[in-house]
Protein backbone atom coordinates (compact mmCIF):
# COMPACT_ATOMS: atom_id res chain seq x y z
CA MET A 1 53.70 48.76 -38.13
CA SER A 2 56.69 48.85 -40.48
CA ILE A 3 57.81 45.98 -42.69
CA PRO A 4 60.98 45.51 -40.58
CA THR A 5 58.72 45.19 -37.52
CA ILE A 6 56.36 42.75 -39.25
CA ILE A 7 59.35 40.55 -40.11
CA ALA A 8 60.95 40.89 -36.66
CA ASP A 9 57.67 39.90 -34.93
CA ALA A 10 57.08 36.89 -37.20
CA GLN A 11 56.84 33.47 -35.55
CA ARG A 12 59.52 31.38 -37.25
CA ARG A 13 59.12 27.73 -38.15
CA GLU A 14 60.83 25.34 -40.53
CA GLY A 15 60.57 26.66 -44.08
CA GLY A 16 58.90 29.92 -43.16
CA PHE A 17 56.90 31.79 -40.53
CA THR A 18 53.54 33.24 -39.57
CA ALA A 19 53.14 37.01 -39.56
CA THR A 20 50.46 39.66 -39.17
CA ILE A 21 49.75 42.18 -41.93
CA PRO A 22 47.97 45.10 -40.24
CA THR A 23 45.28 47.29 -41.83
CA PRO A 24 47.70 50.18 -42.64
CA TRP A 25 49.30 47.80 -45.16
CA HIS A 26 46.05 46.95 -46.92
CA GLN A 27 44.95 47.81 -50.44
CA GLY A 28 41.19 47.44 -50.58
CA ARG A 29 40.19 44.11 -49.08
CA THR A 30 43.63 42.55 -49.36
CA ALA A 31 47.19 43.27 -48.31
CA TYR A 32 49.30 45.50 -50.55
CA GLY A 33 51.02 43.24 -53.08
CA GLY A 34 54.47 44.60 -52.30
CA VAL A 35 54.35 43.63 -48.63
CA SER A 36 53.03 40.13 -49.41
CA SER A 37 55.78 39.66 -52.02
CA ALA A 38 58.40 40.93 -49.57
CA LEU A 39 57.27 38.40 -46.95
CA ALA A 40 57.47 35.60 -49.53
CA LEU A 41 61.03 36.64 -50.40
CA GLU A 42 61.98 36.82 -46.73
CA ALA A 43 60.86 33.19 -46.29
CA ALA A 44 62.75 32.16 -49.44
CA ARG A 45 65.95 33.82 -48.21
CA GLY A 46 65.65 31.90 -44.95
CA LEU A 47 66.09 28.52 -46.62
CA ALA A 48 69.86 28.90 -46.93
CA ASP A 49 72.50 31.36 -45.75
CA ASP A 50 74.54 31.12 -48.94
CA LEU A 51 71.94 31.81 -51.64
CA PRO A 52 73.29 33.96 -54.48
CA PRO A 53 71.62 37.33 -55.26
CA LEU A 54 67.97 37.45 -56.33
CA ARG A 55 67.65 37.96 -60.08
CA SER A 56 63.97 37.33 -60.83
CA ALA A 57 60.59 37.10 -59.09
CA GLN A 58 57.44 35.70 -60.70
CA VAL A 59 54.39 36.46 -58.57
CA SER A 60 50.75 35.39 -58.88
CA PHE A 61 48.16 37.29 -56.84
CA ILE A 62 45.58 34.56 -56.26
CA GLY A 63 43.26 35.78 -53.53
CA PRO A 64 42.80 38.24 -50.63
CA LEU A 65 45.28 38.26 -47.76
CA SER A 66 44.93 40.11 -44.46
CA GLY A 67 45.57 39.70 -40.77
CA THR A 68 47.56 36.63 -39.79
CA VAL A 69 49.20 34.89 -42.74
CA SER A 70 51.34 31.79 -43.11
CA VAL A 71 54.43 32.03 -45.32
CA HIS A 72 56.13 28.87 -46.50
CA ALA A 73 59.06 28.37 -48.89
CA ARG A 74 60.64 25.30 -50.44
CA MET A 75 63.71 24.74 -52.58
CA MET A 76 62.64 23.59 -56.04
CA ARG A 77 66.14 23.16 -57.46
CA ARG A 78 69.63 24.21 -56.48
CA GLY A 79 72.17 24.14 -59.27
CA ARG A 80 75.78 25.21 -59.47
CA ASN A 81 74.95 28.83 -60.40
CA ALA A 82 71.21 29.24 -59.84
CA SER A 83 68.56 28.27 -57.31
CA TRP A 84 64.78 28.22 -57.71
CA VAL A 85 62.59 28.72 -54.65
CA GLN A 86 58.79 28.50 -54.43
CA ALA A 87 57.09 30.58 -51.72
CA ASP A 88 53.40 30.81 -50.85
CA VAL A 89 51.54 33.23 -48.58
CA SER A 90 48.27 31.83 -47.21
CA GLY A 91 45.41 33.28 -45.19
CA GLU A 92 42.01 32.13 -44.03
CA GLY A 93 40.86 31.54 -47.61
CA GLY A 94 43.91 29.50 -48.61
CA VAL A 95 46.86 30.53 -50.79
CA GLY A 96 46.65 34.21 -51.67
CA LEU A 97 50.06 34.68 -53.25
CA SER A 98 52.43 32.26 -54.93
CA ALA A 99 55.92 33.30 -56.02
CA THR A 100 58.88 31.70 -57.74
CA PHE A 101 62.24 33.31 -57.02
CA VAL A 102 65.42 32.75 -59.02
CA PHE A 103 68.73 33.39 -57.25
CA MET A 104 71.78 33.39 -59.51
CA SER A 105 75.49 34.07 -59.15
CA ALA A 106 77.26 36.49 -61.49
CA MET A 107 78.96 34.87 -64.49
CA GLU A 108 81.33 36.14 -67.16
CA SER A 109 79.66 36.99 -70.46
CA SER A 110 80.62 38.56 -73.77
CA VAL A 111 77.24 40.32 -74.01
CA HIS A 112 76.99 43.86 -72.63
CA LEU A 113 73.72 45.77 -73.13
CA ASN A 114 72.15 48.54 -71.10
CA ASP A 115 69.26 50.11 -72.99
CA PHE A 116 67.08 51.06 -70.03
CA PRO A 117 67.54 54.83 -69.58
CA SER A 118 66.05 56.69 -66.66
CA PRO A 119 62.83 58.55 -67.65
CA SER A 120 63.53 61.55 -65.44
CA LEU A 121 66.50 63.77 -64.54
CA ILE A 122 64.58 65.45 -61.72
CA GLN A 123 66.07 64.47 -58.36
CA PRO A 124 63.68 63.75 -55.48
CA GLU A 125 64.76 66.93 -53.65
CA GLU A 126 63.62 68.96 -56.66
CA ALA A 127 60.39 67.08 -57.34
CA SER A 128 56.98 68.20 -56.15
CA GLY A 129 55.70 66.33 -53.12
CA GLY A 130 52.78 63.96 -53.09
CA ASP A 131 50.06 64.17 -50.46
CA TYR A 132 47.84 61.41 -49.17
CA LEU A 133 44.31 62.11 -50.33
CA ARG A 134 40.99 60.48 -49.52
CA GLY A 135 40.42 57.40 -51.65
CA MET A 136 44.09 56.50 -51.96
CA PRO A 137 45.17 53.00 -50.81
CA ASP A 138 45.62 52.46 -47.07
CA PHE A 139 49.26 51.41 -47.50
CA LEU A 140 50.42 54.64 -49.18
CA PRO A 141 51.19 56.62 -45.97
CA ASN A 142 53.98 54.10 -45.32
CA PHE A 143 55.85 55.77 -48.20
CA ASP A 144 57.24 59.18 -49.07
CA TRP A 145 56.52 59.93 -52.73
CA ARG A 146 57.00 62.74 -55.22
CA HIS A 147 56.01 63.36 -58.83
CA ALA A 148 58.89 62.68 -61.22
CA LEU A 149 57.41 63.87 -64.54
CA PRO A 150 55.46 67.04 -65.39
CA LYS A 151 51.74 66.68 -65.84
CA SER A 152 50.78 66.08 -69.48
CA ASP A 153 48.13 68.06 -71.34
CA ALA A 154 46.15 64.89 -72.10
CA PRO A 155 45.86 61.73 -69.97
CA GLN A 156 48.63 59.23 -70.70
CA PRO A 157 48.95 55.58 -69.62
CA GLU A 158 52.06 56.34 -67.60
CA ILE A 159 52.89 57.02 -63.96
CA CYS A 160 56.36 57.98 -62.72
CA ARG A 161 57.23 58.82 -59.11
CA TRP A 162 60.11 58.96 -56.69
CA MET A 163 59.25 56.72 -53.74
CA ARG A 164 60.84 55.47 -50.54
CA LEU A 165 59.79 53.47 -47.50
CA LYS A 166 59.54 55.67 -44.42
CA GLU A 167 60.84 52.82 -42.23
CA ARG A 168 63.36 50.56 -43.90
CA ASP A 169 66.26 50.12 -41.46
CA GLY A 170 67.43 46.52 -41.32
CA LEU A 171 65.66 45.40 -44.48
CA ASP A 172 67.57 43.30 -46.97
CA PRO A 173 67.96 45.46 -50.13
CA MET A 174 66.14 42.92 -52.32
CA VAL A 175 63.25 42.69 -49.84
CA GLU A 176 63.07 46.50 -49.88
CA ILE A 177 62.94 46.54 -53.70
CA LEU A 178 60.03 44.06 -53.80
CA ALA A 179 58.25 45.97 -51.06
CA ILE A 180 58.35 49.20 -53.05
CA ALA A 181 58.25 47.95 -56.66
CA ASP A 182 54.46 47.49 -56.77
CA ALA A 183 53.59 50.81 -55.10
CA LEU A 184 52.42 52.74 -58.18
CA PRO A 185 48.78 52.72 -59.32
CA PRO A 186 48.05 50.89 -62.59
CA ALA A 187 49.50 52.83 -65.52
CA VAL A 188 46.15 52.97 -67.31
CA MET A 189 44.43 54.61 -64.34
CA PRO A 190 44.79 58.15 -65.82
CA LEU A 191 42.68 56.91 -68.77
CA MET A 192 39.81 55.65 -66.59
CA THR A 193 36.73 57.89 -66.76
CA LYS A 194 35.00 56.42 -63.70
CA PHE A 195 35.90 54.61 -60.52
CA ALA A 196 36.20 50.85 -60.89
CA PRO A 197 37.82 48.12 -58.80
CA ILE A 198 41.20 46.88 -59.99
CA SER A 199 43.22 43.81 -59.11
CA SER A 200 46.77 42.74 -59.97
CA MET A 201 46.88 39.19 -61.32
CA THR A 202 50.50 38.43 -62.18
CA TRP A 203 53.79 40.26 -61.83
CA ILE A 204 57.33 39.60 -63.08
CA CYS A 205 60.19 41.59 -61.57
CA ASN A 206 63.74 41.11 -62.91
CA LEU A 207 66.58 42.49 -60.83
CA LEU A 208 69.22 44.21 -62.97
CA THR A 209 71.87 44.46 -60.28
CA PRO A 210 72.98 42.06 -57.54
CA GLU A 211 73.34 44.95 -55.07
CA PRO A 212 70.57 47.59 -55.25
CA LYS A 213 71.83 50.90 -53.85
CA THR A 214 70.46 54.44 -53.85
CA ARG A 215 70.65 57.68 -51.88
CA ASP A 216 68.42 58.31 -48.86
CA GLY A 217 66.12 55.42 -49.75
CA TRP A 218 64.73 57.07 -52.90
CA TRP A 219 63.86 54.93 -55.94
CA LEU A 220 62.43 56.14 -59.23
CA LEU A 221 59.43 54.03 -60.27
CA ARG A 222 57.77 54.13 -63.67
CA SER A 223 54.85 52.11 -65.07
CA TRP A 224 53.58 52.46 -68.62
CA GLY A 225 50.57 50.69 -70.08
CA ASN A 226 50.71 49.11 -73.53
CA TYR A 227 47.38 47.27 -73.74
CA ALA A 228 43.93 47.40 -72.16
CA GLU A 229 40.90 45.60 -73.57
CA HIS A 230 38.02 43.56 -72.19
CA GLY A 231 38.96 44.30 -68.58
CA CYS A 232 42.57 43.14 -68.91
CA SER A 233 45.53 45.52 -68.84
CA SER A 234 49.22 44.84 -69.46
CA GLN A 235 51.97 47.20 -68.35
CA SER A 236 55.75 47.45 -68.25
CA MET A 237 57.58 48.67 -65.16
CA GLY A 238 61.01 49.96 -64.21
CA ILE A 239 63.04 51.11 -61.21
CA TRP A 240 66.15 53.34 -61.17
CA ASN A 241 68.32 54.70 -58.38
CA THR A 242 69.18 58.36 -57.77
CA ASP A 243 72.17 58.09 -60.12
CA GLY A 244 69.88 57.03 -62.96
CA GLU A 245 71.16 53.45 -62.92
CA PRO A 246 68.57 50.74 -63.74
CA VAL A 247 67.73 48.50 -60.80
CA ALA A 248 64.73 46.41 -61.92
CA SER A 249 62.43 45.86 -64.86
CA GLY A 250 59.07 44.14 -64.92
CA MET A 251 55.67 43.45 -66.38
CA GLN A 252 52.27 43.17 -64.75
CA SER A 253 48.81 41.97 -65.71
CA ILE A 254 45.91 43.85 -64.08
CA ALA A 255 42.18 43.19 -64.08
CA LEU A 256 39.94 46.24 -64.54
CA PHE A 257 36.39 45.66 -63.28
CA GLY A 258 34.76 48.49 -65.16
């Protein structure tokens, strides 16, 4: 079941909806964080028809989510230029995801800075394809993905791939970005010497454009780790389109149980 289908089949109610996240969208014992975040954003967008573009998402992964979930959003503040919306996704065990979205209109500014260069010049058509292998997350077959950087001689805390949703027709571009932005494994995974459970705890995703666009659905995703001690890892994240233009930047905290 695709994300557009999950959203189309949702049972709408005031402030949100109930939806079913099927097993092919799971990651271990919980739903893939990207699909849960996308559902939260969909509920937030439904609060008003005239919300400005999404500029930031702050997500907390609180507990497992699977099967039927309840998604509820509320307007925290609506100002002249910006609106803050709180959205929660709940399952049988209570709230599993809580997100704060900031929607903001474009404003004139004297500051112009773009120091977020694309890490790869390899286009997806030229990149080597990725195959689904045993042990990979259940949600991964919902994506096409390809390696974007050559393999290094020694393990590095970095992962970079071209990725796209196989079924994305009808999705709002911002919902699509959140759905795909969390699809990479933790950046420190290449450094791990044995299998161990992992769990995302918090995630910040800042949108760098009010209108994300790319060619054929391909987005370049990169995650690079900068700290890992005592079971806690911190990483930076970025997304670019096929023209090398930056689309989103972020940071994530991940628990490593081993």
